[in-house]
Structure formats: structure tokens, C-alpha cells
Amino acid sequence: MLGVSPDEVGKIAKFAGKYDLDFTLLADADHAVADAYGTWVEKSMYGKKYMGVQRATFLIDPAGKIAGVFPKVSPKEHDDVVLKALGELAAGQAK
């Protein structure tokens, strides 16, 4: 499992250490990955527009193809939704 953040490497290392993440968190300071996946978008807060990351989870199969996209999933349900999709992907590949 990988995570991608628009922050610089040093900031990511500090964050990963603080929260003892059990997955790799990659830096995407130039937003190349976010652009490629369509998640670097215009956002708005209190009428002010700015560019930022739209949080999303991408399930990528062993062949490197996107097998599922989960935008704006509720944090309370996110784990269950992604785990279900992983199970379905694994079952489909076992056939």
C-alpha cells in the first residue's frame, strides 16, 4: 500500500514518524502524480479558490491497471469499502 501527498519529503517523513504509519507515504511536491490521476483540482473555502488535492483511493491490480476508484469516501466506512473491493478483486483473479 502506498500513500501520496503533495508535501515535501521532509514534511512527509515527519508526519509518517509522528503517526507511525505502516505504509509508504510518497512525496508529490510538483503534483505530477495528482495531475496524472486527476486529483489536483480547484477547491474553494470561504469563497477563496485555490488548488489542492481531492482525496481519493485508487485500487490498482497486479497488472498495474486501475481496478477501482473511491473518491470522497466517508472515513468511518472507507476501510470496509476498500477491503470489500480488494476481496472482490482477489476473488475475480482466482478464477
PDB file of N, CA and C in Angstrom:
ATOM      1  N   MET A   1       0.848  -1.162   0.000  1.00  0.00           N
ATOM      2  CA  MET A   1       0.000   0.000   0.000  1.00  0.00           C
ATOM      3  C   MET A   1       0.897   1.228   0.000  1.00  0.00           C
ATOM      4  N   LEU A   2       0.486   2.223  -0.778  1.00  0.00           N
ATOM      5  CA  LEU A   2       1.208   3.481  -0.864  1.00  0.00           C
ATOM      6  C   LEU A   2       0.250   4.642  -0.638  1.00  0.00           C
ATOM      7  N   GLY A   3       0.767   5.713  -0.087  1.00  0.00           N
ATOM      8  CA  GLY A   3       0.040   6.965   0.003  1.00  0.00           C
ATOM      9  C   GLY A   3       0.853   8.009  -0.732  1.00  0.00           C
ATOM     10  N   VAL A   4       0.192   9.003  -1.284  1.00  0.00           N
ATOM     11  CA  VAL A   4       0.876  10.076  -1.999  1.00  0.00           C
ATOM     12  C   VAL A   4       0.380  11.396  -1.436  1.00  0.00           C
ATOM     13  N   SER A   5       1.316  12.280  -1.118  1.00  0.00           N
ATOM     14  CA  SER A   5       0.981  13.577  -0.536  1.00  0.00           C
ATOM     15  C   SER A   5       1.654  14.685  -1.344  1.00  0.00           C
ATOM     16  N   PRO A   6       1.012  15.857  -1.447  1.00  0.00           N
ATOM     17  CA  PRO A   6       1.635  16.960  -2.164  1.00  0.00           C
ATOM     18  C   PRO A   6       2.720  17.671  -1.361  1.00  0.00           C
ATOM     19  N   ASP A   7       3.005  17.202  -0.168  1.00  0.00           N
ATOM     20  CA  ASP A   7       4.006  17.836   0.680  1.00  0.00           C
ATOM     21  C   ASP A   7       5.426  17.437   0.289  1.00  0.00           C
ATOM     22  N   GLU A   8       6.401  18.206   0.775  1.00  0.00           N
ATOM     23  CA  GLU A   8       7.822  17.931   0.546  1.00  0.00           C
ATOM     24  C   GLU A   8       8.252  16.701   1.355  1.00  0.00           C
ATOM     25  N   VAL A   9       9.347  16.082   0.941  1.00  0.00           N
ATOM     26  CA  VAL A   9       9.854  14.852   1.560  1.00  0.00           C
ATOM     27  C   VAL A   9      10.045  15.003   3.066  1.00  0.00           C
ATOM     28  N   GLY A  10      10.684  16.083   3.512  1.00  0.00           N
ATOM     29  CA  GLY A  10      10.936  16.268   4.940  1.00  0.00           C
ATOM     30  C   GLY A  10       9.662  16.337   5.762  1.00  0.00           C
ATOM     31  N   LYS A  11       8.667  17.031   5.251  1.00  0.00           N
ATOM     32  CA  LYS A  11       7.393  17.161   5.953  1.00  0.00           C
ATOM     33  C   LYS A  11       6.685  15.807   6.032  1.00  0.00           C
ATOM     34  N   ILE A  12       6.787  15.036   4.958  1.00  0.00           N
ATOM     35  CA  ILE A  12       6.165  13.710   4.926  1.00  0.00           C
ATOM     36  C   ILE A  12       6.849  12.768   5.916  1.00  0.00           C
ATOM     37  N   ALA A  13       8.169  12.812   5.954  1.00  0.00           N
ATOM     38  CA  ALA A  13       8.908  11.951   6.884  1.00  0.00           C
ATOM     39  C   ALA A  13       8.516  12.260   8.327  1.00  0.00           C
ATOM     40  N   LYS A  14       8.376  13.542   8.648  1.00  0.00           N
ATOM     41  CA  LYS A  14       7.979  13.944   9.999  1.00  0.00           C
ATOM     42  C   LYS A  14       6.561  13.442  10.313  1.00  0.00           C
ATOM     43  N   PHE A  15       5.640  13.609   9.372  1.00  0.00           N
ATOM     44  CA  PHE A  15       4.259  13.166   9.544  1.00  0.00           C
ATOM     45  C   PHE A  15       4.199  11.650   9.726  1.00  0.00           C
ATOM     46  N   ALA A  16       4.898  10.913   8.855  1.00  0.00           N
ATOM     47  CA  ALA A  16       4.890   9.442   8.915  1.00  0.00           C
ATOM     48  C   ALA A  16       5.451   8.958  10.252  1.00  0.00           C
ATOM     49  N   GLY A  17       6.505   9.611  10.734  1.00  0.00           N
ATOM     50  CA  GLY A  17       7.081   9.241  12.019  1.00  0.00           C
ATOM     51  C   GLY A  17       6.159   9.559  13.184  1.00  0.00           C
ATOM     52  N   LYS A  18       5.530  10.712  13.127  1.00  0.00           N
ATOM     53  CA  LYS A  18       4.625  11.137  14.205  1.00  0.00           C
ATOM     54  C   LYS A  18       3.460  10.177  14.372  1.00  0.00           C
ATOM     55  N   TYR A  19       2.910   9.707  13.242  1.00  0.00           N
ATOM     56  CA  TYR A  19       1.732   8.840  13.301  1.00  0.00           C
ATOM     57  C   TYR A  19       2.067   7.364  13.106  1.00  0.00           C
ATOM     58  N   ASP A  20       3.360   7.030  13.062  1.00  0.00           N
ATOM     59  CA  ASP A  20       3.817   5.647  12.954  1.00  0.00           C
ATOM     60  C   ASP A  20       3.066   4.894  11.847  1.00  0.00           C
ATOM     61  N   LEU A  21       3.063   5.461  10.653  1.00  0.00           N
ATOM     62  CA  LEU A  21       2.339   4.864   9.530  1.00  0.00           C
ATOM     63  C   LEU A  21       2.910   3.500   9.182  1.00  0.00           C
ATOM     64  N   ASP A  22       2.048   2.565   8.869  1.00  0.00           N
ATOM     65  CA  ASP A  22       2.504   1.218   8.496  1.00  0.00           C
ATOM     66  C   ASP A  22       2.445   1.024   6.979  1.00  0.00           C
ATOM     67  N   PHE A  23       2.563   2.121   6.237  1.00  0.00           N
ATOM     68  CA  PHE A  23       2.631   2.063   4.776  1.00  0.00           C
ATOM     69  C   PHE A  23       3.557   3.176   4.302  1.00  0.00           C
ATOM     70  N   THR A  24       3.998   3.083   3.080  1.00  0.00           N
ATOM     71  CA  THR A  24       4.898   4.063   2.499  1.00  0.00           C
ATOM     72  C   THR A  24       4.108   5.291   2.044  1.00  0.00           C
ATOM     73  N   LEU A  25       4.596   6.458   2.426  1.00  0.00           N
ATOM     74  CA  LEU A  25       3.989   7.721   2.019  1.00  0.00           C
ATOM     75  C   LEU A  25       4.986   8.433   1.111  1.00  0.00           C
ATOM     76  N   LEU A  26       4.575   8.689  -0.113  1.00  0.00           N
ATOM     77  CA  LEU A  26       5.447   9.301  -1.118  1.00  0.00           C
ATOM     78  C   LEU A  26       5.168  10.786  -1.268  1.00  0.00           C
ATOM     79  N   ALA A  27       6.216  11.556  -1.590  1.00  0.00           N
ATOM     80  CA  ALA A  27       6.080  12.994  -1.814  1.00  0.00           C
ATOM     81  C   ALA A  27       5.761  13.261  -3.282  1.00  0.00           C
ATOM     82  N   ASP A  28       4.820  14.166  -3.497  1.00  0.00           N
ATOM     83  CA  ASP A  28       4.432  14.589  -4.842  1.00  0.00           C
ATOM     84  C   ASP A  28       4.382  16.116  -4.865  1.00  0.00           C
ATOM     85  N   ALA A  29       5.498  16.727  -4.473  1.00  0.00           N
ATOM     86  CA  ALA A  29       5.539  18.178  -4.302  1.00  0.00           C
ATOM     87  C   ALA A  29       5.251  18.932  -5.596  1.00  0.00           C
ATOM     88  N   ASP A  30       5.567  18.348  -6.737  1.00  0.00           N
ATOM     89  CA  ASP A  30       5.285  19.030  -8.007  1.00  0.00           C
ATOM     90  C   ASP A  30       3.913  18.665  -8.570  1.00  0.00           C
ATOM     91  N   HIS A  31       3.174  17.841  -7.856  1.00  0.00           N
ATOM     92  CA  HIS A  31       1.794  17.445  -8.185  1.00  0.00           C
ATOM     93  C   HIS A  31       1.678  16.618  -9.461  1.00  0.00           C
ATOM     94  N   ALA A  32       2.774  16.030  -9.907  1.00  0.00           N
ATOM     95  CA  ALA A  32       2.759  15.238 -11.143  1.00  0.00           C
ATOM     96  C   ALA A  32       1.839  14.025 -11.016  1.00  0.00           C
ATOM     97  N   VAL A  33       1.892  13.334  -9.890  1.00  0.00           N
ATOM     98  CA  VAL A  33       1.039  12.161  -9.688  1.00  0.00           C
ATOM     99  C   VAL A  33      -0.422  12.598  -9.547  1.00  0.00           C
ATOM    100  N   ALA A  34      -0.658  13.638  -8.760  1.00  0.00           N
ATOM    101  CA  ALA A  34      -2.024  14.135  -8.587  1.00  0.00           C
ATOM    102  C   ALA A  34      -2.606  14.587  -9.923  1.00  0.00           C
ATOM    103  N   ASP A  35      -1.805  15.250 -10.748  1.00  0.00           N
ATOM    104  CA  ASP A  35      -2.267  15.654 -12.080  1.00  0.00           C
ATOM    105  C   ASP A  35      -2.610  14.430 -12.921  1.00  0.00           C
ATOM    106  N   ALA A  36      -1.738  13.438 -12.902  1.00  0.00           N
ATOM    107  CA  ALA A  36      -1.942  12.235 -13.718  1.00  0.00           C
ATOM    108  C   ALA A  36      -3.210  11.481 -13.316  1.00  0.00           C
ATOM    109  N   TYR A  37      -3.536  11.493 -12.045  1.00  0.00           N
ATOM    110  CA  TYR A  37      -4.715  10.787 -11.556  1.00  0.00           C
ATOM    111  C   TYR A  37      -5.954  11.685 -11.462  1.00  0.00           C
ATOM    112  N   GLY A  38      -5.804  12.936 -11.862  1.00  0.00           N
ATOM    113  CA  GLY A  38      -6.946  13.848 -11.867  1.00  0.00           C
ATOM    114  C   GLY A  38      -7.395  14.309 -10.497  1.00  0.00           C
ATOM    115  N   THR A  39      -6.486  14.304  -9.530  1.00  0.00           N
ATOM    116  CA  THR A  39      -6.867  14.685  -8.172  1.00  0.00           C
ATOM    117  C   THR A  39      -6.313  16.042  -7.754  1.00  0.00           C
ATOM    118  N   TRP A  40      -5.583  16.723  -8.633  1.00  0.00           N
ATOM    119  CA  TRP A  40      -5.121  18.085  -8.345  1.00  0.00           C
ATOM    120  C   TRP A  40      -6.171  19.007  -8.947  1.00  0.00           C
ATOM    121  N   VAL A  41      -7.026  19.558  -8.100  1.00  0.00           N
ATOM    122  CA  VAL A  41      -8.223  20.253  -8.562  1.00  0.00           C
ATOM    123  C   VAL A  41      -8.371  21.619  -7.898  1.00  0.00           C
ATOM    124  N   GLU A  42      -9.218  22.429  -8.497  1.00  0.00           N
ATOM    125  CA  GLU A  42      -9.547  23.705  -7.874  1.00  0.00           C
ATOM    126  C   GLU A  42     -10.522  23.448  -6.733  1.00  0.00           C
ATOM    127  N   LYS A  43     -10.223  24.048  -5.602  1.00  0.00           N
ATOM    128  CA  LYS A  43     -11.073  23.909  -4.415  1.00  0.00           C
ATOM    129  C   LYS A  43     -11.509  25.307  -3.984  1.00  0.00           C
ATOM    130  N   SER A  44     -12.435  25.355  -3.066  1.00  0.00           N
ATOM    131  CA  SER A  44     -12.933  26.637  -2.587  1.00  0.00           C
ATOM    132  C   SER A  44     -13.232  26.540  -1.102  1.00  0.00           C
ATOM    133  N   MET A  45     -12.798  27.563  -0.354  1.00  0.00           N
ATOM    134  CA  MET A  45     -13.113  27.636   1.065  1.00  0.00           C
ATOM    135  C   MET A  45     -13.383  29.093   1.414  1.00  0.00           C
ATOM    136  N   TYR A  46     -14.542  29.329   1.984  1.00  0.00           N
ATOM    137  CA  TYR A  46     -14.951  30.684   2.355  1.00  0.00           C
ATOM    138  C   TYR A  46     -14.865  31.644   1.171  1.00  0.00           C
ATOM    139  N   GLY A  47     -15.204  31.147  -0.025  1.00  0.00           N
ATOM    140  CA  GLY A  47     -15.205  31.962  -1.234  1.00  0.00           C
ATOM    141  C   GLY A  47     -13.847  32.130  -1.890  1.00  0.00           C
ATOM    142  N   LYS A  48     -12.782  31.650  -1.260  1.00  0.00           N
ATOM    143  CA  LYS A  48     -11.437  31.755  -1.823  1.00  0.00           C
ATOM    144  C   LYS A  48     -11.128  30.481  -2.604  1.00  0.00           C
ATOM    145  N   LYS A  49     -10.702  30.625  -3.854  1.00  0.00           N
ATOM    146  CA  LYS A  49     -10.363  29.473  -4.691  1.00  0.00           C
ATOM    147  C   LYS A  49      -8.859  29.213  -4.627  1.00  0.00           C
ATOM    148  N   TYR A  50      -8.507  27.952  -4.624  1.00  0.00           N
ATOM    149  CA  TYR A  50      -7.106  27.538  -4.577  1.00  0.00           C
ATOM    150  C   TYR A  50      -6.994  26.132  -5.149  1.00  0.00           C
ATOM    151  N   MET A  51      -5.785  25.720  -5.466  1.00  0.00           N
ATOM    152  CA  MET A  51      -5.544  24.372  -5.979  1.00  0.00           C
ATOM    153  C   MET A  51      -5.135  23.463  -4.822  1.00  0.00           C
ATOM    154  N   GLY A  52      -5.648  22.233  -4.851  1.00  0.00           N
ATOM    155  CA  GLY A  52      -5.325  21.284  -3.804  1.00  0.00           C
ATOM    156  C   GLY A  52      -5.701  19.871  -4.220  1.00  0.00           C
ATOM    157  N   VAL A  53      -5.391  18.930  -3.371  1.00  0.00           N
ATOM    158  CA  VAL A  53      -5.643  17.520  -3.655  1.00  0.00           C
ATOM    159  C   VAL A  53      -7.056  17.142  -3.239  1.00  0.00           C
ATOM    160  N   GLN A  54      -7.760  16.495  -4.147  1.00  0.00           N
ATOM    161  CA  GLN A  54      -9.047  15.884  -3.813  1.00  0.00           C
ATOM    162  C   GLN A  54      -8.713  14.474  -3.341  1.00  0.00           C
ATOM    163  N   ARG A  55      -8.931  14.196  -2.093  1.00  0.00           N
ATOM    164  CA  ARG A  55      -8.573  12.884  -1.551  1.00  0.00           C
ATOM    165  C   ARG A  55      -9.353  11.783  -2.254  1.00  0.00           C
ATOM    166  N   ALA A  56      -8.640  10.738  -2.600  1.00  0.00           N
ATOM    167  CA  ALA A  56      -9.250   9.594  -3.273  1.00  0.00           C
ATOM    168  C   ALA A  56      -8.355   8.385  -3.042  1.00  0.00           C
ATOM    169  N   THR A  57      -8.958   7.211  -3.126  1.00  0.00           N
ATOM    170  CA  THR A  57      -8.206   5.959  -3.068  1.00  0.00           C
ATOM    171  C   THR A  57      -8.332   5.281  -4.409  1.00  0.00           C
ATOM    172  N   PHE A  58      -7.201   4.820  -4.931  1.00  0.00           N
ATOM    173  CA  PHE A  58      -7.161   4.092  -6.194  1.00  0.00           C
ATOM    174  C   PHE A  58      -6.704   2.673  -5.903  1.00  0.00           C
ATOM    175  N   LEU A  59      -7.484   1.715  -6.322  1.00  0.00           N
ATOM    176  CA  LEU A  59      -7.139   0.307  -6.189  1.00  0.00           C
ATOM    177  C   LEU A  59      -6.505  -0.105  -7.509  1.00  0.00           C
ATOM    178  N   ILE A  60      -5.243  -0.515  -7.458  1.00  0.00           N
ATOM    179  CA  ILE A  60      -4.506  -0.870  -8.663  1.00  0.00           C
ATOM    180  C   ILE A  60      -4.216  -2.359  -8.631  1.00  0.00           C
ATOM    181  N   ASP A  61      -4.597  -3.059  -9.707  1.00  0.00           N
ATOM    182  CA  ASP A  61      -4.445  -4.516  -9.740  1.00  0.00           C
ATOM    183  C   ASP A  61      -2.995  -4.911 -10.012  1.00  0.00           C
ATOM    184  N   PRO A  62      -2.667  -6.199  -9.908  1.00  0.00           N
ATOM    185  CA  PRO A  62      -1.286  -6.652 -10.105  1.00  0.00           C
ATOM    186  C   PRO A  62      -0.719  -6.325 -11.492  1.00  0.00           C
ATOM    187  N   ALA A  63      -1.576  -6.108 -12.472  1.00  0.00           N
ATOM    188  CA  ALA A  63      -1.109  -5.763 -13.816  1.00  0.00           C
ATOM    189  C   ALA A  63      -0.871  -4.257 -13.957  1.00  0.00           C
ATOM    190  N   GLY A  64      -1.153  -3.501 -12.897  1.00  0.00           N
ATOM    191  CA  GLY A  64      -0.934  -2.066 -12.933  1.00  0.00           C
ATOM    192  C   GLY A  64      -2.115  -1.260 -13.458  1.00  0.00           C
ATOM    193  N   LYS A  65      -3.258  -1.915 -13.616  1.00  0.00           N
ATOM    194  CA  LYS A  65      -4.450  -1.233 -14.106  1.00  0.00           C
ATOM    195  C   LYS A  65      -5.310  -0.781 -12.928  1.00  0.00           C
ATOM    196  N   ILE A  66      -5.971   0.356 -13.092  1.00  0.00           N
ATOM    197  CA  ILE A  66      -6.856   0.852 -12.041  1.00  0.00           C
ATOM    198  C   ILE A  66      -8.088  -0.044 -11.992  1.00  0.00           C
ATOM    199  N   ALA A  67      -8.281  -0.685 -10.851  1.00  0.00           N
ATOM    200  CA  ALA A  67      -9.403  -1.614 -10.680  1.00  0.00           C
ATOM    201  C   ALA A  67     -10.549  -0.986  -9.898  1.00  0.00           C
ATOM    202  N   GLY A  68     -10.306   0.157  -9.291  1.00  0.00           N
ATOM    203  CA  GLY A  68     -11.353   0.829  -8.544  1.00  0.00           C
ATOM    204  C   GLY A  68     -10.911   2.205  -8.108  1.00  0.00           C
ATOM    205  N   VAL A  69     -11.853   3.143  -8.047  1.00  0.00           N
ATOM    206  CA  VAL A  69     -11.578   4.497  -7.589  1.00  0.00           C
ATOM    207  C   VAL A  69     -12.622   4.834  -6.529  1.00  0.00           C
ATOM    208  N   PHE A  70     -12.168   5.358  -5.411  1.00  0.00           N
ATOM    209  CA  PHE A  70     -13.038   5.677  -4.293  1.00  0.00           C
ATOM    210  C   PHE A  70     -12.847   7.138  -3.899  1.00  0.00           C
ATOM    211  N   PRO A  71     -13.592   8.050  -4.539  1.00  0.00           N
ATOM    212  CA  PRO A  71     -13.483   9.464  -4.173  1.00  0.00           C
ATOM    213  C   PRO A  71     -14.431   9.794  -3.026  1.00  0.00           C
ATOM    214  N   LYS A  72     -13.998  10.686  -2.178  1.00  0.00           N
ATOM    215  CA  LYS A  72     -14.853  11.226  -1.118  1.00  0.00           C
ATOM    216  C   LYS A  72     -15.567  10.150  -0.299  1.00  0.00           C
ATOM    217  N   VAL A  73     -14.865   9.114   0.078  1.00  0.00           N
ATOM    218  CA  VAL A  73     -15.461   8.054   0.897  1.00  0.00           C
ATOM    219  C   VAL A  73     -15.481   8.507   2.349  1.00  0.00           C
ATOM    220  N   SER A  74     -16.525   8.192   3.056  1.00  0.00           N
ATOM    221  CA  SER A  74     -16.635   8.520   4.473  1.00  0.00           C
ATOM    222  C   SER A  74     -15.527   7.815   5.258  1.00  0.00           C
ATOM    223  N   PRO A  75     -14.786   8.550   6.094  1.00  0.00           N
ATOM    224  CA  PRO A  75     -13.721   7.920   6.875  1.00  0.00           C
ATOM    225  C   PRO A  75     -14.203   6.736   7.707  1.00  0.00           C
ATOM    226  N   LYS A  76     -15.437   6.795   8.203  1.00  0.00           N
ATOM    227  CA  LYS A  76     -15.960   5.699   9.022  1.00  0.00           C
ATOM    228  C   LYS A  76     -16.191   4.433   8.201  1.00  0.00           C
ATOM    229  N   GLU A  77     -16.449   4.577   6.911  1.00  0.00           N
ATOM    230  CA  GLU A  77     -16.770   3.435   6.052  1.00  0.00           C
ATOM    231  C   GLU A  77     -15.643   3.059   5.099  1.00  0.00           C
ATOM    232  N   HIS A  78     -14.651   3.922   4.986  1.00  0.00           N
ATOM    233  CA  HIS A  78     -13.632   3.765   3.951  1.00  0.00           C
ATOM    234  C   HIS A  78     -12.929   2.409   3.998  1.00  0.00           C
ATOM    235  N   ASP A  79     -12.462   2.009   5.169  1.00  0.00           N
ATOM    236  CA  ASP A  79     -11.751   0.730   5.286  1.00  0.00           C
ATOM    237  C   ASP A  79     -12.609  -0.424   4.782  1.00  0.00           C
ATOM    238  N   ASP A  80     -13.856  -0.462   5.205  1.00  0.00           N
ATOM    239  CA  ASP A  80     -14.749  -1.552   4.801  1.00  0.00           C
ATOM    240  C   ASP A  80     -14.996  -1.555   3.300  1.00  0.00           C
ATOM    241  N   VAL A  81     -15.180  -0.378   2.718  1.00  0.00           N
ATOM    242  CA  VAL A  81     -15.436  -0.273   1.277  1.00  0.00           C
ATOM    243  C   VAL A  81     -14.230  -0.779   0.482  1.00  0.00           C
ATOM    244  N   VAL A  82     -13.041  -0.341   0.871  1.00  0.00           N
ATOM    245  CA  VAL A  82     -11.831  -0.738   0.141  1.00  0.00           C
ATOM    246  C   VAL A  82     -11.523  -2.217   0.369  1.00  0.00           C
ATOM    247  N   LEU A  83     -11.675  -2.703   1.586  1.00  0.00           N
ATOM    248  CA  LEU A  83     -11.427  -4.124   1.850  1.00  0.00           C
ATOM    249  C   LEU A  83     -12.386  -5.014   1.069  1.00  0.00           C
ATOM    250  N   LYS A  84     -13.629  -4.604   0.937  1.00  0.00           N
ATOM    251  CA  LYS A  84     -14.597  -5.359   0.138  1.00  0.00           C
ATOM    252  C   LYS A  84     -14.154  -5.403  -1.318  1.00  0.00           C
ATOM    253  N   ALA A  85     -13.725  -4.266  -1.854  1.00  0.00           N
ATOM    254  CA  ALA A  85     -13.263  -4.211  -3.240  1.00  0.00           C
ATOM    255  C   ALA A  85     -12.012  -5.069  -3.443  1.00  0.00           C
ATOM    256  N   LEU A  86     -11.113  -5.058  -2.468  1.00  0.00           N
ATOM    257  CA  LEU A  86      -9.923  -5.912  -2.558  1.00  0.00           C
ATOM    258  C   LEU A  86     -10.307  -7.382  -2.592  1.00  0.00           C
ATOM    259  N   GLY A  87     -11.270  -7.768  -1.741  1.00  0.00           N
ATOM    260  CA  GLY A  87     -11.747  -9.152  -1.726  1.00  0.00           C
ATOM    261  C   GLY A  87     -12.359  -9.550  -3.058  1.00  0.00           C
ATOM    262  N   GLU A  88     -13.145  -8.646  -3.633  1.00  0.00           N
ATOM    263  CA  GLU A  88     -13.766  -8.932  -4.935  1.00  0.00           C
ATOM    264  C   GLU A  88     -12.712  -9.033  -6.026  1.00  0.00           C
ATOM    265  N   LEU A  89     -11.703  -8.180  -5.981  1.00  0.00           N
ATOM    266  CA  LEU A  89     -10.627  -8.242  -6.964  1.00  0.00           C
ATOM    267  C   LEU A  89      -9.859  -9.558  -6.844  1.00  0.00           C
ATOM    268  N   ALA A  90      -9.542  -9.955  -5.612  1.00  0.00           N
ATOM    269  CA  ALA A  90      -8.820 -11.199  -5.382  1.00  0.00           C
ATOM    270  C   ALA A  90      -9.646 -12.403  -5.855  1.00  0.00           C
ATOM    271  N   ALA A  91     -10.946 -12.387  -5.562  1.00  0.00           N
ATOM    272  CA  ALA A  91     -11.830 -13.491  -5.979  1.00  0.00           C
ATOM    273  C   ALA A  91     -11.911 -13.581  -7.493  1.00  0.00           C
ATOM    274  N   GLY A  92     -11.964 -12.427  -8.150  1.00  0.00           N
ATOM    275  CA  GLY A  92     -12.035 -12.408  -9.613  1.00  0.00           C
ATOM    276  C   GLY A  92     -10.757 -12.890 -10.259  1.00  0.00           C
ATOM    277  N   GLN A  93      -9.616 -12.655  -9.628  1.00  0.00           N
ATOM    278  CA  GLN A  93      -8.347 -13.101 -10.193  1.00  0.00           C
ATOM    279  C   GLN A  93      -8.089 -14.573  -9.907  1.00  0.00           C
ATOM    280  N   ALA A  94      -8.754 -15.112  -8.887  1.00  0.00           N
ATOM    281  CA  ALA A  94      -8.566 -16.530  -8.549  1.00  0.00           C
ATOM    282  C   ALA A  94      -9.268 -17.440  -9.546  1.00  0.00           C
ATOM    283  N   LYS A  95     -10.201 -16.882 -10.321  1.00  0.00           N
ATOM    284  CA  LYS A  95     -10.973 -17.697 -11.266  1.00  0.00           C
ATOM    285  C   LYS A  95     -10.151 -18.058 -12.477  1.00  0.00           C
TER     286      LYS A  95
END
